[in-house]
Amino acid sequence: MERPVTARLCADCTTCAMSSTGFTAGFDAVDAQLLDRAKVAHFYRRGQTLFYEGNPCTAVFCLRSALVRVVKTAPHGRRHLLALAGPGDLLGLEAAVAGIPYEYGAEVLRDGQVCLIERTPVMRLIEATPSLRDGALRQLAADVRHAQVERALLASGDARERTAHVLLELGRRFGDHVDGRMSVCLPLSREDLADMIGVAVETAIRQISDLRRRGIISTTRESLVIEDADRLARFARAMPGAS
């Protein structure tokens, strides 16, 4: 496998645009500099792996521009897409803090930059620096809340509601917003989308076709366009816990 390119490819942690969200939100310049000295920036290509499920946790990964598939292997051996991670997301923190192997794998879906901090330095920083410790706790709490909401939504909604919820989240997080429309251009297969919705591939295709027939979405070979986000949100809001 091609190795990632190692370089100082981005501004340091004191000026990084990602510092306003997630783990590093609220860090002062001194704490950001401590984190910056501990990190190494890599440029990853599509198809490369950040880490494998079940391997010992050796580092935490902060995504600056890459898009990453978060995958987990089912008992029968098939690998399922759990989620997409993008700019500002932090991967591997829970394994680093708990001292356990990675509980999922992470594969690059779109080329981009990732900052890597080895586990030992990041744990020393978290233990010694109150703002980093608070940031880690905020990140872990947010991850738990998100997982609980997603679990409740997938357990309670029907296929149409879950499809609407997933498409709306993809649009909000990864879409280009123009004139009230959200254009989502992601290299996802039908199997990937079905995994995220929690239905069979055939069911996902039917739900997408129905939303397209209603004029709520349109599709091309390269993208999915949310034409009417309000109507899509009404379907998603039928699910308990949806916003």
Protein backbone atom coordinates (compact mmCIF):
# COMPACT_ATOMS: atom_id res chain seq x y z
CA MET A 1 0.00 0.00 0.00
CA GLU A 2 1.25 3.46 -0.86
CA ARG A 3 2.52 5.29 2.20
CA PRO A 4 1.01 8.69 3.12
CA VAL A 5 3.06 11.77 2.38
CA THR A 6 4.46 13.27 5.58
CA ALA A 7 4.78 17.04 5.73
CA ARG A 8 3.81 20.22 7.46
CA LEU A 9 0.97 20.71 5.04
CA CYS A 10 -1.23 23.00 7.07
CA ALA A 11 -1.15 25.97 9.34
CA ASP A 12 -0.26 25.08 12.91
CA CYS A 13 -2.91 24.28 15.53
CA THR A 14 -3.06 27.90 16.67
CA THR A 15 -4.42 29.04 13.30
CA CYS A 16 -6.06 25.90 11.92
CA ALA A 17 -9.66 26.49 10.88
CA MET A 18 -10.61 23.22 12.60
CA SER A 19 -9.64 24.70 15.99
CA SER A 20 -13.03 26.38 16.37
CA THR A 21 -14.85 23.05 16.62
CA GLY A 22 -14.62 19.76 18.45
CA PHE A 23 -11.65 18.68 20.54
CA THR A 24 -9.59 21.88 20.25
CA ALA A 25 -12.42 24.39 20.69
CA GLY A 26 -11.46 26.93 23.34
CA PHE A 27 -7.76 26.09 23.46
CA ASP A 28 -5.49 29.03 24.14
CA ALA A 29 -2.35 29.64 22.07
CA VAL A 30 -0.03 27.87 24.51
CA ASP A 31 -2.10 24.69 24.63
CA ALA A 32 -2.55 24.71 20.85
CA GLN A 33 1.22 24.99 20.44
CA LEU A 34 1.74 21.98 22.73
CA LEU A 35 -0.62 19.95 20.56
CA ASP A 36 0.97 21.26 17.38
CA ARG A 37 4.44 20.11 18.45
CA ALA A 38 3.10 16.61 19.11
CA LYS A 39 1.41 16.15 15.71
CA VAL A 40 2.55 15.13 12.26
CA ALA A 41 0.56 16.03 9.14
CA HIS A 42 0.03 13.41 6.42
CA PHE A 43 -1.62 13.56 3.03
CA TYR A 44 -3.64 10.41 2.33
CA ARG A 45 -4.97 9.12 -0.98
CA ARG A 46 -8.32 7.44 -1.52
CA GLY A 47 -8.13 3.76 -0.59
CA GLN A 48 -5.45 4.15 2.05
CA THR A 49 -6.14 3.07 5.63
CA LEU A 50 -5.67 5.22 8.72
CA PHE A 51 -6.02 2.25 11.07
CA TYR A 52 -7.53 -1.23 11.19
CA GLU A 53 -10.27 -2.53 13.45
CA GLY A 54 -8.79 -4.67 16.24
CA ASN A 55 -5.25 -3.27 15.98
CA PRO A 56 -3.65 -1.72 19.06
CA CYS A 57 -4.37 2.00 19.31
CA THR A 58 -1.16 3.83 18.43
CA ALA A 59 -2.45 7.30 17.54
CA VAL A 60 -5.36 9.72 17.36
CA PHE A 61 -6.29 11.21 13.97
CA CYS A 62 -7.67 14.70 13.35
CA LEU A 63 -9.21 15.13 9.89
CA ARG A 64 -8.44 18.44 8.22
CA SER A 65 -9.61 17.85 4.67
CA ALA A 66 -9.90 14.09 4.07
CA LEU A 67 -13.19 12.20 3.92
CA VAL A 68 -13.03 8.88 5.76
CA ARG A 69 -15.20 5.75 5.90
CA VAL A 70 -15.71 4.40 9.43
CA VAL A 71 -16.23 0.64 9.02
CA LYS A 72 -16.88 -2.36 11.24
CA THR A 73 -16.82 -6.07 10.46
CA ALA A 74 -19.98 -8.08 11.16
CA PRO A 75 -19.79 -11.62 12.63
CA HIS A 76 -20.26 -13.15 9.16
CA GLY A 77 -17.25 -11.19 7.87
CA ARG A 78 -18.91 -8.45 5.82
CA ARG A 79 -17.63 -4.97 6.50
CA HIS A 80 -20.30 -2.33 7.07
CA LEU A 81 -20.07 1.43 6.74
CA LEU A 82 -20.99 2.90 10.13
CA ALA A 83 -20.48 6.57 9.34
CA LEU A 84 -18.59 9.14 7.32
CA ALA A 85 -16.03 11.35 9.04
CA GLY A 86 -14.88 14.64 7.59
CA PRO A 87 -13.03 17.87 8.39
CA GLY A 88 -12.94 18.60 12.10
CA ASP A 89 -13.64 15.03 13.17
CA LEU A 90 -11.33 13.19 15.56
CA LEU A 91 -10.89 9.41 15.23
CA GLY A 92 -9.41 6.96 17.73
CA LEU A 93 -9.73 9.12 20.85
CA GLU A 94 -11.96 6.66 22.72
CA ALA A 95 -9.50 3.81 22.11
CA ALA A 96 -6.57 5.99 23.19
CA VAL A 97 -8.24 7.07 26.43
CA ALA A 98 -9.53 3.56 27.29
CA GLY A 99 -6.27 1.86 26.30
CA ILE A 100 -8.07 -0.61 24.04
CA PRO A 101 -7.66 -1.64 20.38
CA TYR A 102 -9.46 0.34 17.70
CA GLU A 103 -13.10 -0.77 17.68
CA TYR A 104 -13.59 0.16 14.04
CA GLY A 105 -11.49 0.74 10.96
CA ALA A 106 -10.94 3.98 9.07
CA GLU A 107 -10.42 4.13 5.29
CA VAL A 108 -9.85 7.24 3.18
CA LEU A 109 -12.71 7.86 0.77
CA ARG A 110 -11.48 11.19 -0.59
CA ASP A 111 -7.92 12.50 -0.73
CA GLY A 112 -6.98 14.94 1.99
CA GLN A 113 -4.89 15.90 4.96
CA VAL A 114 -4.93 14.16 8.32
CA CYS A 115 -3.00 15.17 11.43
CA LEU A 116 -1.70 12.27 13.52
CA ILE A 117 -0.82 12.43 17.22
CA GLU A 118 0.76 9.33 18.73
CA ARG A 119 -1.11 7.89 21.72
CA THR A 120 1.62 8.34 24.35
CA PRO A 121 2.17 12.07 23.73
CA VAL A 122 -1.54 12.83 23.45
CA MET A 123 -2.29 11.01 26.72
CA ARG A 124 0.51 12.89 28.48
CA LEU A 125 -0.91 16.16 27.20
CA ILE A 126 -4.45 15.23 28.27
CA GLU A 127 -3.27 14.24 31.75
CA ALA A 128 -1.11 17.35 32.23
CA THR A 129 -3.16 20.06 30.54
CA PRO A 130 -6.64 20.94 31.86
CA SER A 131 -7.92 22.43 28.60
CA LEU A 132 -6.86 19.35 26.62
CA ARG A 133 -8.45 17.09 29.23
CA ASP A 134 -11.70 19.10 29.05
CA GLY A 135 -11.57 19.00 25.26
CA ALA A 136 -11.17 15.23 25.28
CA LEU A 137 -14.12 14.85 27.66
CA ARG A 138 -16.27 17.13 25.50
CA GLN A 139 -15.39 15.13 22.40
CA LEU A 140 -16.10 11.79 24.04
CA ALA A 141 -19.41 13.03 25.46
CA ALA A 142 -20.44 14.37 22.04
CA ASP A 143 -19.54 11.04 20.41
CA VAL A 144 -21.67 9.15 22.96
CA ARG A 145 -24.64 11.49 22.47
CA HIS A 146 -24.42 11.17 18.70
CA ALA A 147 -24.22 7.37 18.88
CA GLN A 148 -27.23 7.22 21.21
CA VAL A 149 -29.34 9.45 18.97
CA GLU A 150 -28.39 7.51 15.86
CA ARG A 151 -29.19 4.20 17.55
CA ALA A 152 -32.59 5.47 18.68
CA LEU A 153 -33.39 6.84 15.23
CA LEU A 154 -32.47 3.65 13.43
CA ALA A 155 -34.43 1.55 15.94
CA SER A 156 -37.60 3.64 15.86
CA GLY A 157 -38.06 4.96 12.35
CA ASP A 158 -39.37 3.20 9.30
CA ALA A 159 -37.31 2.93 6.13
CA ARG A 160 -38.54 6.21 4.63
CA GLU A 161 -37.87 8.15 7.82
CA ARG A 162 -34.39 6.70 8.21
CA THR A 163 -33.59 7.38 4.55
CA ALA A 164 -34.70 11.00 4.94
CA HIS A 165 -32.62 11.40 8.09
CA VAL A 166 -29.45 10.00 6.53
CA LEU A 167 -29.79 12.07 3.34
CA LEU A 168 -30.45 15.23 5.33
CA GLU A 169 -27.38 14.63 7.49
CA LEU A 170 -25.23 14.01 4.42
CA GLY A 171 -26.52 17.22 2.90
CA ARG A 172 -25.92 19.27 6.02
CA ARG A 173 -22.41 17.94 6.60
CA PHE A 174 -21.02 17.37 3.13
CA GLY A 175 -23.32 19.15 0.68
CA ASP A 176 -22.79 22.30 -1.35
CA HIS A 177 -25.61 24.70 -0.53
CA VAL A 178 -26.80 26.77 -3.48
CA ASP A 179 -30.17 28.56 -3.81
CA GLY A 180 -31.81 26.42 -1.15
CA ARG A 181 -30.61 23.16 -2.69
CA MET A 182 -28.00 20.77 -1.28
CA SER A 183 -25.77 18.99 -3.79
CA VAL A 184 -24.01 15.96 -2.29
CA CYS A 185 -21.17 14.53 -4.34
CA LEU A 186 -19.74 11.57 -2.44
CA PRO A 187 -18.13 8.36 -3.76
CA LEU A 188 -20.64 6.10 -1.98
CA SER A 189 -21.90 2.80 -3.31
CA ARG A 190 -25.48 1.60 -2.94
CA GLU A 191 -24.24 -0.79 -0.28
CA ASP A 192 -22.65 2.09 1.64
CA LEU A 193 -25.86 4.10 1.62
CA ALA A 194 -27.93 1.08 2.64
CA ASP A 195 -25.54 0.44 5.55
CA MET A 196 -25.95 4.00 6.78
CA ILE A 197 -29.74 3.78 6.55
CA GLY A 198 -29.81 0.34 8.12
CA VAL A 199 -31.81 -1.40 5.39
CA ALA A 200 -31.24 -3.84 2.54
CA VAL A 201 -29.86 -2.42 -0.69
CA GLU A 202 -33.15 -3.05 -2.52
CA THR A 203 -35.05 -1.13 0.16
CA ALA A 204 -32.65 1.81 -0.04
CA ILE A 205 -33.07 1.93 -3.83
CA ARG A 206 -36.87 1.95 -3.47
CA GLN A 207 -36.79 4.76 -0.92
CA ILE A 208 -34.45 6.88 -3.04
CA SER A 209 -36.67 6.30 -6.07
CA ASP A 210 -39.77 7.33 -4.12
CA LEU A 211 -38.15 10.56 -2.89
CA ARG A 212 -37.03 11.30 -6.44
CA ARG A 213 -40.55 10.69 -7.78
CA ARG A 214 -41.92 13.16 -5.22
CA GLY A 215 -39.44 15.82 -6.39
CA ILE A 216 -37.73 15.99 -3.02
CA ILE A 217 -34.40 14.84 -4.43
CA SER A 218 -32.82 14.39 -7.84
CA THR A 219 -29.86 12.26 -8.82
CA THR A 220 -27.14 12.14 -11.42
CA ARG A 221 -24.31 9.67 -11.88
CA GLU A 222 -22.03 11.92 -9.82
CA SER A 223 -24.29 13.44 -7.19
CA LEU A 224 -27.52 13.50 -5.25
CA VAL A 225 -29.31 16.84 -4.97
CA ILE A 226 -31.74 17.63 -2.16
CA GLU A 227 -34.26 19.81 -3.95
CA ASP A 228 -36.61 20.40 -1.01
CA ALA A 229 -34.83 20.15 2.35
CA ASP A 230 -37.94 21.22 4.27
CA ARG A 231 -40.03 18.33 2.96
CA LEU A 232 -37.16 15.92 3.55
CA ALA A 233 -36.81 17.23 7.10
CA ARG A 234 -40.51 16.63 7.73
CA PHE A 235 -40.03 12.95 6.90
CA ALA A 236 -36.97 12.80 9.17
CA ARG A 237 -38.73 14.60 12.02
CA ALA A 238 -41.32 11.82 12.18
CA MET A 239 -38.62 9.87 14.01
CA PRO A 240 -38.34 10.34 17.80
CA GLY A 241 -35.22 12.33 18.62
CA ALA A 242 -34.75 13.75 15.15
CA SER A 243 -34.13 17.47 14.91
